[in-house]
Amino acid sequence: RQALACSYAPYSGYRVGAAARLASGRIVTAGNQESPVFPAGLCA
């Protein structure tokens, strides 16, 4: 949910956040990233 803040979705307005827990316990996060050159963006 905190990763929603790093989402960049000015075209769809559909912000997505993702987080993964690794075996080491570390947590990695990401948000979706859109581009005006559709479909160059990526899901979170």
PDB file of all heavy atoms in Angstrom:
ATOM      1  N   ARG A   1       0.840  -1.206   0.000  1.00  0.00           N
ATOM      2  CA  ARG A   1       0.000   0.000   0.000  1.00  0.00           C
ATOM      3  C   ARG A   1       0.871   1.251   0.000  1.00  0.00           C
ATOM      4  O   ARG A   1       0.543   2.235  -0.663  1.00  0.00           O
ATOM      5  CB  ARG A   1      -0.960  -0.020   1.192  1.00  0.00           C
ATOM      6  CG  ARG A   1      -2.001  -1.138   1.037  1.00  0.00           C
ATOM      7  CD  ARG A   1      -3.278  -0.906   1.765  1.00  0.00           C
ATOM      8  NE  ARG A   1      -4.006   0.262   1.349  1.00  0.00           N
ATOM      9  CZ  ARG A   1      -4.744   0.373   0.222  1.00  0.00           C
ATOM     10  NH1 ARG A   1      -4.801  -0.621  -0.625  1.00  0.00           N
ATOM     11  NH2 ARG A   1      -5.405   1.471  -0.036  1.00  0.00           N
ATOM     12  N   GLN A   2       1.979   1.228   0.730  1.00  0.00           N
ATOM     13  CA  GLN A   2       2.904   2.374   0.711  1.00  0.00           C
ATOM     14  C   GLN A   2       3.531   2.553  -0.666  1.00  0.00           C
ATOM     15  O   GLN A   2       3.820   3.669  -1.081  1.00  0.00           O
ATOM     16  CB  GLN A   2       3.986   2.219   1.773  1.00  0.00           C
ATOM     17  CG  GLN A   2       3.483   2.444   3.175  1.00  0.00           C
ATOM     18  CD  GLN A   2       4.593   2.334   4.213  1.00  0.00           C
ATOM     19  OE1 GLN A   2       5.741   2.054   3.911  1.00  0.00           O
ATOM     20  NE2 GLN A   2       4.227   2.550   5.461  1.00  0.00           N
ATOM     21  N   ALA A   3       3.738   1.449  -1.386  1.00  0.00           N
ATOM     22  CA  ALA A   3       4.333   1.511  -2.724  1.00  0.00           C
ATOM     23  C   ALA A   3       3.407   2.198  -3.727  1.00  0.00           C
ATOM     24  O   ALA A   3       3.855   2.609  -4.805  1.00  0.00           O
ATOM     25  CB  ALA A   3       4.700   0.112  -3.209  1.00  0.00           C
ATOM     26  N   LEU A   4       2.120   2.344  -3.399  1.00  0.00           N
ATOM     27  CA  LEU A   4       1.215   3.093  -4.274  1.00  0.00           C
ATOM     28  C   LEU A   4       1.734   4.517  -4.498  1.00  0.00           C
ATOM     29  O   LEU A   4       1.495   5.109  -5.548  1.00  0.00           O
ATOM     30  CB  LEU A   4      -0.190   3.153  -3.669  1.00  0.00           C
ATOM     31  CG  LEU A   4      -0.999   1.853  -3.691  1.00  0.00           C
ATOM     32  CD1 LEU A   4      -2.218   1.970  -2.784  1.00  0.00           C
ATOM     33  CD2 LEU A   4      -1.404   1.505  -5.108  1.00  0.00           C
ATOM     34  N   ALA A   5       2.477   5.040  -3.521  1.00  0.00           N
ATOM     35  CA  ALA A   5       3.009   6.402  -3.628  1.00  0.00           C
ATOM     36  C   ALA A   5       4.042   6.530  -4.748  1.00  0.00           C
ATOM     37  O   ALA A   5       4.235   7.621  -5.281  1.00  0.00           O
ATOM     38  CB  ALA A   5       3.623   6.839  -2.293  1.00  0.00           C
ATOM     39  N   CYS A   6       4.706   5.425  -5.120  1.00  0.00           N
ATOM     40  CA  CYS A   6       5.701   5.504  -6.205  1.00  0.00           C
ATOM     41  C   CYS A   6       5.113   5.085  -7.547  1.00  0.00           C
ATOM     42  O   CYS A   6       5.803   5.032  -8.550  1.00  0.00           O
ATOM     43  CB  CYS A   6       6.957   4.704  -5.871  1.00  0.00           C
ATOM     44  SG  CYS A   6       6.714   2.932  -5.844  1.00  0.00           S
ATOM     45  N   SER A   7       3.804   4.824  -7.563  1.00  0.00           N
ATOM     46  CA  SER A   7       3.118   4.507  -8.805  1.00  0.00           C
ATOM     47  C   SER A   7       3.057   5.755  -9.680  1.00  0.00           C
ATOM     48  O   SER A   7       2.865   6.859  -9.192  1.00  0.00           O
ATOM     49  CB  SER A   7       1.698   4.033  -8.484  1.00  0.00           C
ATOM     50  OG  SER A   7       0.927   3.924  -9.648  1.00  0.00           O
ATOM     51  N   TYR A   8       3.204   5.564 -10.990  1.00  0.00           N
ATOM     52  CA  TYR A   8       3.075   6.663 -11.941  1.00  0.00           C
ATOM     53  C   TYR A   8       2.030   6.237 -12.957  1.00  0.00           C
ATOM     54  O   TYR A   8       2.311   5.437 -13.861  1.00  0.00           O
ATOM     55  CB  TYR A   8       4.414   6.963 -12.602  1.00  0.00           C
ATOM     56  CG  TYR A   8       4.352   8.114 -13.582  1.00  0.00           C
ATOM     57  CD1 TYR A   8       4.198   9.425 -13.138  1.00  0.00           C
ATOM     58  CD2 TYR A   8       4.437   7.885 -14.952  1.00  0.00           C
ATOM     59  CE1 TYR A   8       4.126  10.480 -14.036  1.00  0.00           C
ATOM     60  CE2 TYR A   8       4.371   8.935 -15.852  1.00  0.00           C
ATOM     61  CZ  TYR A   8       4.215  10.227 -15.388  1.00  0.00           C
ATOM     62  OH  TYR A   8       4.152  11.273 -16.278  1.00  0.00           O
ATOM     63  N   ALA A   9       0.801   6.699 -12.778  1.00  0.00           N
ATOM     64  CA  ALA A   9      -0.312   6.255 -13.614  1.00  0.00           C
ATOM     65  C   ALA A   9      -1.175   7.429 -14.074  1.00  0.00           C
ATOM     66  O   ALA A   9      -2.393   7.443 -13.854  1.00  0.00           O
ATOM     67  CB  ALA A   9      -1.151   5.240 -12.848  1.00  0.00           C
ATOM     68  N   PRO A  10      -0.574   8.426 -14.763  1.00  0.00           N
ATOM     69  CA  PRO A  10      -1.360   9.586 -15.167  1.00  0.00           C
ATOM     70  C   PRO A  10      -2.338   9.304 -16.305  1.00  0.00           C
ATOM     71  O   PRO A  10      -3.251  10.093 -16.534  1.00  0.00           O
ATOM     72  CB  PRO A  10      -0.287  10.581 -15.619  1.00  0.00           C
ATOM     73  CG  PRO A  10       0.818   9.721 -16.119  1.00  0.00           C
ATOM     74  CD  PRO A  10       0.821   8.530 -15.195  1.00  0.00           C
ATOM     75  N   TYR A  11      -2.178   8.196 -17.003  1.00  0.00           N
ATOM     76  CA  TYR A  11      -3.025   7.916 -18.165  1.00  0.00           C
ATOM     77  C   TYR A  11      -4.216   7.046 -17.789  1.00  0.00           C
ATOM     78  O   TYR A  11      -5.347   7.354 -18.139  1.00  0.00           O
ATOM     79  CB  TYR A  11      -2.187   7.283 -19.288  1.00  0.00           C
ATOM     80  CG  TYR A  11      -0.962   8.127 -19.549  1.00  0.00           C
ATOM     81  CD1 TYR A  11       0.298   7.715 -19.126  1.00  0.00           C
ATOM     82  CD2 TYR A  11      -1.079   9.391 -20.132  1.00  0.00           C
ATOM     83  CE1 TYR A  11       1.409   8.528 -19.312  1.00  0.00           C
ATOM     84  CE2 TYR A  11       0.024  10.204 -20.318  1.00  0.00           C
ATOM     85  CZ  TYR A  11       1.256   9.770 -19.902  1.00  0.00           C
ATOM     86  OH  TYR A  11       2.352  10.571 -20.067  1.00  0.00           O
ATOM     87  N   SER A  12      -3.971   5.960 -17.059  1.00  0.00           N
ATOM     88  CA  SER A  12      -5.075   5.075 -16.676  1.00  0.00           C
ATOM     89  C   SER A  12      -5.710   5.510 -15.361  1.00  0.00           C
ATOM     90  O   SER A  12      -6.876   5.216 -15.110  1.00  0.00           O
ATOM     91  CB  SER A  12      -4.576   3.635 -16.520  1.00  0.00           C
ATOM     92  OG  SER A  12      -3.768   3.503 -15.351  1.00  0.00           O
ATOM     93  N   GLY A  13      -4.941   6.170 -14.503  1.00  0.00           N
ATOM     94  CA  GLY A  13      -5.432   6.518 -13.175  1.00  0.00           C
ATOM     95  C   GLY A  13      -5.530   5.308 -12.261  1.00  0.00           C
ATOM     96  O   GLY A  13      -6.032   5.404 -11.142  1.00  0.00           O
ATOM     97  N   TYR A  14      -5.035   4.155 -12.707  1.00  0.00           N
ATOM     98  CA  TYR A  14      -5.111   2.906 -11.922  1.00  0.00           C
ATOM     99  C   TYR A  14      -3.746   2.644 -11.290  1.00  0.00           C
ATOM    100  O   TYR A  14      -2.846   2.098 -11.905  1.00  0.00           O
ATOM    101  CB  TYR A  14      -5.536   1.744 -12.817  1.00  0.00           C
ATOM    102  CG  TYR A  14      -5.819   0.466 -12.060  1.00  0.00           C
ATOM    103  CD1 TYR A  14      -6.886   0.385 -11.172  1.00  0.00           C
ATOM    104  CD2 TYR A  14      -5.027  -0.662 -12.242  1.00  0.00           C
ATOM    105  CE1 TYR A  14      -7.151  -0.785 -10.477  1.00  0.00           C
ATOM    106  CE2 TYR A  14      -5.292  -1.828 -11.554  1.00  0.00           C
ATOM    107  CZ  TYR A  14      -6.350  -1.882 -10.672  1.00  0.00           C
ATOM    108  OH  TYR A  14      -6.617  -3.047  -9.984  1.00  0.00           O
ATOM    109  N   ARG A  15      -3.620   3.084 -10.041  1.00  0.00           N
ATOM    110  CA  ARG A  15      -2.349   2.959  -9.323  1.00  0.00           C
ATOM    111  C   ARG A  15      -2.282   1.612  -8.613  1.00  0.00           C
ATOM    112  O   ARG A  15      -3.234   1.206  -7.959  1.00  0.00           O
ATOM    113  CB  ARG A  15      -2.213   4.109  -8.330  1.00  0.00           C
ATOM    114  CG  ARG A  15      -2.126   5.457  -9.035  1.00  0.00           C
ATOM    115  CD  ARG A  15      -2.403   6.660  -8.148  1.00  0.00           C
ATOM    116  NE  ARG A  15      -2.037   6.548  -6.772  1.00  0.00           N
ATOM    117  CZ  ARG A  15      -0.873   6.956  -6.250  1.00  0.00           C
ATOM    118  NH1 ARG A  15       0.033   7.505  -7.009  1.00  0.00           N
ATOM    119  NH2 ARG A  15      -0.637   6.812  -4.961  1.00  0.00           N
ATOM    120  N   VAL A  16      -1.136   0.938  -8.775  1.00  0.00           N
ATOM    121  CA  VAL A  16      -0.930  -0.383  -8.181  1.00  0.00           C
ATOM    122  C   VAL A  16       0.395  -0.383  -7.437  1.00  0.00           C
ATOM    123  O   VAL A  16       1.385   0.176  -7.917  1.00  0.00           O
ATOM    124  CB  VAL A  16      -0.934  -1.487  -9.263  1.00  0.00           C
ATOM    125  CG1 VAL A  16      -0.647  -2.858  -8.661  1.00  0.00           C
ATOM    126  CG2 VAL A  16      -2.268  -1.496 -10.005  1.00  0.00           C
ATOM    127  N   GLY A  17       0.402  -1.018  -6.278  1.00  0.00           N
ATOM    128  CA  GLY A  17       1.619  -1.191  -5.498  1.00  0.00           C
ATOM    129  C   GLY A  17       1.856  -2.666  -5.249  1.00  0.00           C
ATOM    130  O   GLY A  17       0.914  -3.446  -5.105  1.00  0.00           O
ATOM    131  N   ALA A  18       3.130  -3.048  -5.206  1.00  0.00           N
ATOM    132  CA  ALA A  18       3.497  -4.442  -4.949  1.00  0.00           C
ATOM    133  C   ALA A  18       4.647  -4.478  -3.953  1.00  0.00           C
ATOM    134  O   ALA A  18       5.476  -3.568  -3.909  1.00  0.00           O
ATOM    135  CB  ALA A  18       3.888  -5.144  -6.247  1.00  0.00           C
ATOM    136  N   ALA A  19       4.671  -5.538  -3.170  1.00  0.00           N
ATOM    137  CA  ALA A  19       5.761  -5.756  -2.222  1.00  0.00           C
ATOM    138  C   ALA A  19       6.038  -7.251  -2.155  1.00  0.00           C
ATOM    139  O   ALA A  19       5.103  -8.058  -2.197  1.00  0.00           O
ATOM    140  CB  ALA A  19       5.389  -5.230  -0.832  1.00  0.00           C
ATOM    141  N   ALA A  20       7.320  -7.604  -2.080  1.00  0.00           N
ATOM    142  CA  ALA A  20       7.696  -9.009  -1.975  1.00  0.00           C
ATOM    143  C   ALA A  20       8.618  -9.204  -0.778  1.00  0.00           C
ATOM    144  O   ALA A  20       9.543  -8.414  -0.564  1.00  0.00           O
ATOM    145  CB  ALA A  20       8.397  -9.476  -3.245  1.00  0.00           C
ATOM    146  N   ARG A  21       8.348 -10.259  -0.022  1.00  0.00           N
ATOM    147  CA  ARG A  21       9.243 -10.659   1.060  1.00  0.00           C
ATOM    148  C   ARG A  21      10.165 -11.730   0.501  1.00  0.00           C
ATOM    149  O   ARG A  21       9.714 -12.722  -0.069  1.00  0.00           O
ATOM    150  CB  ARG A  21       8.483 -11.219   2.260  1.00  0.00           C
ATOM    151  CG  ARG A  21       9.421 -11.614   3.416  1.00  0.00           C
ATOM    152  CD  ARG A  21       8.722 -12.187   4.623  1.00  0.00           C
ATOM    153  NE  ARG A  21       7.645 -11.336   5.096  1.00  0.00           N
ATOM    154  CZ  ARG A  21       6.347 -11.576   4.892  1.00  0.00           C
ATOM    155  NH1 ARG A  21       5.958 -12.626   4.219  1.00  0.00           N
ATOM    156  NH2 ARG A  21       5.435 -10.752   5.353  1.00  0.00           N
ATOM    157  N   LEU A  22      11.461 -11.515   0.663  1.00  0.00           N
ATOM    158  CA  LEU A  22      12.461 -12.456   0.182  1.00  0.00           C
ATOM    159  C   LEU A  22      12.826 -13.434   1.298  1.00  0.00           C
ATOM    160  O   LEU A  22      12.533 -13.192   2.472  1.00  0.00           O
ATOM    161  CB  LEU A  22      13.696 -11.696  -0.294  1.00  0.00           C
ATOM    162  CG  LEU A  22      13.425 -10.544  -1.279  1.00  0.00           C
ATOM    163  CD1 LEU A  22      14.730  -9.895  -1.709  1.00  0.00           C
ATOM    164  CD2 LEU A  22      12.621 -11.007  -2.475  1.00  0.00           C
ATOM    165  N   ALA A  23      13.493 -14.515   0.944  1.00  0.00           N
ATOM    166  CA  ALA A  23      13.875 -15.527   1.930  1.00  0.00           C
ATOM    167  C   ALA A  23      14.737 -14.930   3.036  1.00  0.00           C
ATOM    168  O   ALA A  23      14.657 -15.355   4.193  1.00  0.00           O
ATOM    169  CB  ALA A  23      14.602 -16.681   1.242  1.00  0.00           C
ATOM    170  N   SER A  24      15.533 -13.912   2.711  1.00  0.00           N
ATOM    171  CA  SER A  24      16.388 -13.256   3.705  1.00  0.00           C
ATOM    172  C   SER A  24      15.588 -12.386   4.677  1.00  0.00           C
ATOM    173  O   SER A  24      16.129 -11.922   5.671  1.00  0.00           O
ATOM    174  CB  SER A  24      17.422 -12.372   3.001  1.00  0.00           C
ATOM    175  OG  SER A  24      16.759 -11.288   2.348  1.00  0.00           O
ATOM    176  N   GLY A  25      14.325 -12.144   4.370  1.00  0.00           N
ATOM    177  CA  GLY A  25      13.492 -11.252   5.177  1.00  0.00           C
ATOM    178  C   GLY A  25      13.390  -9.856   4.592  1.00  0.00           C
ATOM    179  O   GLY A  25      12.543  -9.061   5.007  1.00  0.00           O
ATOM    180  N   ARG A  26      14.259  -9.531   3.650  1.00  0.00           N
ATOM    181  CA  ARG A  26      14.228  -8.217   2.992  1.00  0.00           C
ATOM    182  C   ARG A  26      12.906  -8.054   2.241  1.00  0.00           C
ATOM    183  O   ARG A  26      12.364  -9.016   1.699  1.00  0.00           O
ATOM    184  CB  ARG A  26      15.406  -8.118   2.026  1.00  0.00           C
ATOM    185  CG  ARG A  26      15.501  -6.818   1.287  1.00  0.00           C
ATOM    186  CD  ARG A  26      16.786  -6.767   0.444  1.00  0.00           C
ATOM    187  NE  ARG A  26      16.640  -5.720  -0.534  1.00  0.00           N
ATOM    188  CZ  ARG A  26      16.869  -5.868  -1.831  1.00  0.00           C
ATOM    189  NH1 ARG A  26      17.291  -7.013  -2.309  1.00  0.00           N
ATOM    190  NH2 ARG A  26      16.696  -4.859  -2.649  1.00  0.00           N
ATOM    191  N   ILE A  27      12.391  -6.825   2.198  1.00  0.00           N
ATOM    192  CA  ILE A  27      11.173  -6.520   1.449  1.00  0.00           C
ATOM    193  C   ILE A  27      11.525  -5.581   0.306  1.00  0.00           C
ATOM    194  O   ILE A  27      12.219  -4.581   0.500  1.00  0.00           O
ATOM    195  CB  ILE A  27      10.087  -5.916   2.361  1.00  0.00           C
ATOM    196  CG1 ILE A  27       9.621  -6.966   3.363  1.00  0.00           C
ATOM    197  CG2 ILE A  27       8.908  -5.399   1.523  1.00  0.00           C
ATOM    198  CD1 ILE A  27       8.574  -6.508   4.336  1.00  0.00           C
ATOM    199  N   VAL A  28      11.063  -5.927  -0.887  1.00  0.00           N
ATOM    200  CA  VAL A  28      11.261  -5.138  -2.100  1.00  0.00           C
ATOM    201  C   VAL A  28       9.898  -4.598  -2.512  1.00  0.00           C
ATOM    202  O   VAL A  28       8.908  -5.328  -2.459  1.00  0.00           O
ATOM    203  CB  VAL A  28      11.842  -6.016  -3.233  1.00  0.00           C
ATOM    204  CG1 VAL A  28      12.044  -5.222  -4.502  1.00  0.00           C
ATOM    205  CG2 VAL A  28      13.134  -6.678  -2.803  1.00  0.00           C
ATOM    206  N   THR A  29       9.827  -3.334  -2.928  1.00  0.00           N
ATOM    207  CA  THR A  29       8.552  -2.739  -3.332  1.00  0.00           C
ATOM    208  C   THR A  29       8.664  -2.088  -4.701  1.00  0.00           C
ATOM    209  O   THR A  29       9.760  -1.770  -5.165  1.00  0.00           O
ATOM    210  CB  THR A  29       8.077  -1.678  -2.316  1.00  0.00           C
ATOM    211  OG1 THR A  29       9.016  -0.617  -2.289  1.00  0.00           O
ATOM    212  CG2 THR A  29       7.902  -2.276  -0.931  1.00  0.00           C
ATOM    213  N   ALA A  30       7.503  -1.867  -5.313  1.00  0.00           N
ATOM    214  CA  ALA A  30       7.452  -1.182  -6.603  1.00  0.00           C
ATOM    215  C   ALA A  30       6.029  -0.722  -6.878  1.00  0.00           C
ATOM    216  O   ALA A  30       5.070  -1.268  -6.317  1.00  0.00           O
ATOM    217  CB  ALA A  30       7.919  -2.100  -7.736  1.00  0.00           C
ATOM    218  N   GLY A  31       5.899   0.265  -7.752  1.00  0.00           N
ATOM    219  CA  GLY A  31       4.604   0.734  -8.232  1.00  0.00           C
ATOM    220  C   GLY A  31       4.568   0.634  -9.741  1.00  0.00           C
ATOM    221  O   GLY A  31       5.612   0.604 -10.393  1.00  0.00           O
ATOM    222  N   ASN A  32       3.371   0.587 -10.305  1.00  0.00           N
ATOM    223  CA  ASN A  32       3.271   0.541 -11.763  1.00  0.00           C
ATOM    224  C   ASN A  32       3.795   1.844 -12.371  1.00  0.00           C
ATOM    225  O   ASN A  32       3.771   2.902 -11.733  1.00  0.00           O
ATOM    226  CB  ASN A  32       1.842   0.233 -12.225  1.00  0.00           C
ATOM    227  CG  ASN A  32       0.793   1.215 -11.754  1.00  0.00           C
ATOM    228  OD1 ASN A  32       0.847   1.718 -10.640  1.00  0.00           O
ATOM    229  ND2 ASN A  32      -0.184   1.481 -12.600  1.00  0.00           N
ATOM    230  N   GLN A  33       4.291   1.756 -13.598  1.00  0.00           N
ATOM    231  CA  GLN A  33       4.898   2.894 -14.289  1.00  0.00           C
ATOM    232  C   GLN A  33       4.323   2.978 -15.697  1.00  0.00           C
ATOM    233  O   GLN A  33       4.483   2.040 -16.479  1.00  0.00           O
ATOM    234  CB  GLN A  33       6.425   2.713 -14.365  1.00  0.00           C
ATOM    235  CG  GLN A  33       7.101   2.545 -13.020  1.00  0.00           C
ATOM    236  CD  GLN A  33       6.976   3.778 -12.145  1.00  0.00           C
ATOM    237  OE1 GLN A  33       7.309   4.877 -12.583  1.00  0.00           O
ATOM    238  NE2 GLN A  33       6.509   3.602 -10.923  1.00  0.00           N
ATOM    239  N   GLU A  34       3.651   4.077 -15.993  1.00  0.00           N
ATOM    240  CA  GLU A  34       3.056   4.254 -17.316  1.00  0.00           C
ATOM    241  C   GLU A  34       3.896   5.187 -18.172  1.00  0.00           C
ATOM    242  O   GLU A  34       4.694   5.974 -17.658  1.00  0.00           O
ATOM    243  CB  GLU A  34       1.642   4.807 -17.188  1.00  0.00           C
ATOM    244  CG  GLU A  34       0.691   3.828 -16.532  1.00  0.00           C
ATOM    245  CD  GLU A  34      -0.724   4.343 -16.427  1.00  0.00           C
ATOM    246  OE1 GLU A  34      -0.985   5.530 -16.696  1.00  0.00           O
ATOM    247  OE2 GLU A  34      -1.602   3.550 -16.075  1.00  0.00           O
ATOM    248  N   SER A  35       3.679   5.082 -19.467  1.00  0.00           N
ATOM    249  CA  SER A  35       4.374   5.922 -20.434  1.00  0.00           C
ATOM    250  C   SER A  35       3.368   6.409 -21.472  1.00  0.00           C
ATOM    251  O   SER A  35       2.429   5.682 -21.809  1.00  0.00           O
ATOM    252  CB  SER A  35       5.470   5.102 -21.135  1.00  0.00           C
ATOM    253  OG  SER A  35       5.986   5.810 -22.244  1.00  0.00           O
ATOM    254  N   PRO A  36       3.569   7.621 -22.011  1.00  0.00           N
ATOM    255  CA  PRO A  36       2.665   8.060 -23.075  1.00  0.00           C
ATOM    256  C   PRO A  36       2.841   7.225 -24.343  1.00  0.00           C
ATOM    257  O   PRO A  36       1.997   7.240 -25.221  1.00  0.00           O
ATOM    258  CB  PRO A  36       3.052   9.524 -23.308  1.00  0.00           C
ATOM    259  CG  PRO A  36       4.433   9.641 -22.785  1.00  0.00           C
ATOM    260  CD  PRO A  36       4.553   8.646 -21.679  1.00  0.00           C
ATOM    261  N   VAL A  37       3.922   6.471 -24.417  1.00  0.00           N
ATOM    262  CA  VAL A  37       4.159   5.582 -25.553  1.00  0.00           C
ATOM    263  C   VAL A  37       3.610   4.202 -25.181  1.00  0.00           C
ATOM    264  O   VAL A  37       4.338   3.279 -24.848  1.00  0.00           O
ATOM    265  CB  VAL A  37       5.670   5.496 -25.893  1.00  0.00           C
ATOM    266  CG1 VAL A  37       5.884   4.668 -27.153  1.00  0.00           C
ATOM    267  CG2 VAL A  37       6.259   6.878 -26.061  1.00  0.00           C
ATOM    268  N   PHE A  38       2.275   4.117 -25.179  1.00  0.00           N
ATOM    269  CA  PHE A  38       1.622   2.863 -24.822  1.00  0.00           C
ATOM    270  C   PHE A  38       2.020   1.800 -25.828  1.00  0.00           C
ATOM    271  O   PHE A  38       2.052   2.085 -27.024  1.00  0.00           O
ATOM    272  CB  PHE A  38       0.099   3.051 -24.814  1.00  0.00           C
ATOM    273  CG  PHE A  38      -0.639   1.824 -24.389  1.00  0.00           C
ATOM    274  CD1 PHE A  38      -0.756   1.533 -23.046  1.00  0.00           C
ATOM    275  CD2 PHE A  38      -1.172   0.960 -25.316  1.00  0.00           C
ATOM    276  CE1 PHE A  38      -1.424   0.388 -22.634  1.00  0.00           C
ATOM    277  CE2 PHE A  38      -1.834  -0.175 -24.923  1.00  0.00           C
ATOM    278  CZ  PHE A  38      -1.963  -0.460 -23.577  1.00  0.00           C
ATOM    279  N   PRO A  39       2.381   0.617 -25.447  1.00  0.00           N
ATOM    280  CA  PRO A  39       2.324  -0.022 -24.137  1.00  0.00           C
ATOM    281  C   PRO A  39       3.676  -0.101 -23.431  1.00  0.00           C
ATOM    282  O   PRO A  39       4.011  -1.136 -22.861  1.00  0.00           O
ATOM    283  CB  PRO A  39       1.811  -1.404 -24.473  1.00  0.00           C
ATOM    284  CG  PRO A  39       2.498  -1.726 -25.770  1.00  0.00           C
ATOM    285  CD  PRO A  39       2.585  -0.396 -26.493  1.00  0.00           C
ATOM    286  N   ALA A  40       4.442   0.945 -23.448  1.00  0.00           N
ATOM    287  CA  ALA A  40       5.783   0.907 -22.858  1.00  0.00           C
ATOM    288  C   ALA A  40       5.787   0.833 -21.338  1.00  0.00           C
ATOM    289  O   ALA A  40       6.815   0.528 -20.749  1.00  0.00           O
ATOM    290  CB  ALA A  40       6.581   2.126 -23.317  1.00  0.00           C
ATOM    291  N   GLY A  41       4.679   1.088 -20.683  1.00  0.00           N
ATOM    292  CA  GLY A  41       4.631   1.039 -19.225  1.00  0.00           C
ATOM    293  C   GLY A  41       4.672  -0.389 -18.703  1.00  0.00           C
ATOM    294  O   GLY A  41       4.580  -1.355 -19.466  1.00  0.00           O
ATOM    295  N   LEU A  42       4.830  -0.500 -17.396  1.00  0.00           N
ATOM    296  CA  LEU A  42       4.855  -1.822 -16.763  1.00  0.00           C
ATOM    297  C   LEU A  42       4.005  -1.826 -15.508  1.00  0.00           C
ATOM    298  O   LEU A  42       3.955  -0.848 -14.759  1.00  0.00           O
ATOM    299  CB  LEU A  42       6.280  -2.223 -16.370  1.00  0.00           C
ATOM    300  CG  LEU A  42       7.192  -2.724 -17.468  1.00  0.00           C
ATOM    301  CD1 LEU A  42       8.572  -3.016 -16.902  1.00  0.00           C
ATOM    302  CD2 LEU A  42       6.624  -3.969 -18.123  1.00  0.00           C
ATOM    303  N   CYS A  43       3.401  -2.970 -15.250  1.00  0.00           N
ATOM    304  CA  CYS A  43       2.637  -3.189 -14.026  1.00  0.00           C
ATOM    305  C   CYS A  43       3.582  -3.226 -12.830  1.00  0.00           C
ATOM    306  O   CYS A  43       4.766  -3.538 -12.964  1.00  0.00           O
ATOM    307  CB  CYS A  43       1.896  -4.520 -14.111  1.00  0.00           C
ATOM    308  SG  CYS A  43       0.767  -4.654 -15.516  1.00  0.00           S
ATOM    309  N   ALA A  44       3.057  -2.961 -11.653  1.00  0.00           N
ATOM    310  CA  ALA A  44       3.862  -2.971 -10.424  1.00  0.00           C
ATOM    311  C   ALA A  44       4.529  -4.326 -10.207  1.00  0.00           C
ATOM    312  O   ALA A  44       5.692  -4.392  -9.792  1.00  0.00           O
ATOM    313  CB  ALA A  44       2.987  -2.616  -9.224  1.00  0.00           C
TER     314      ALA A  44
END
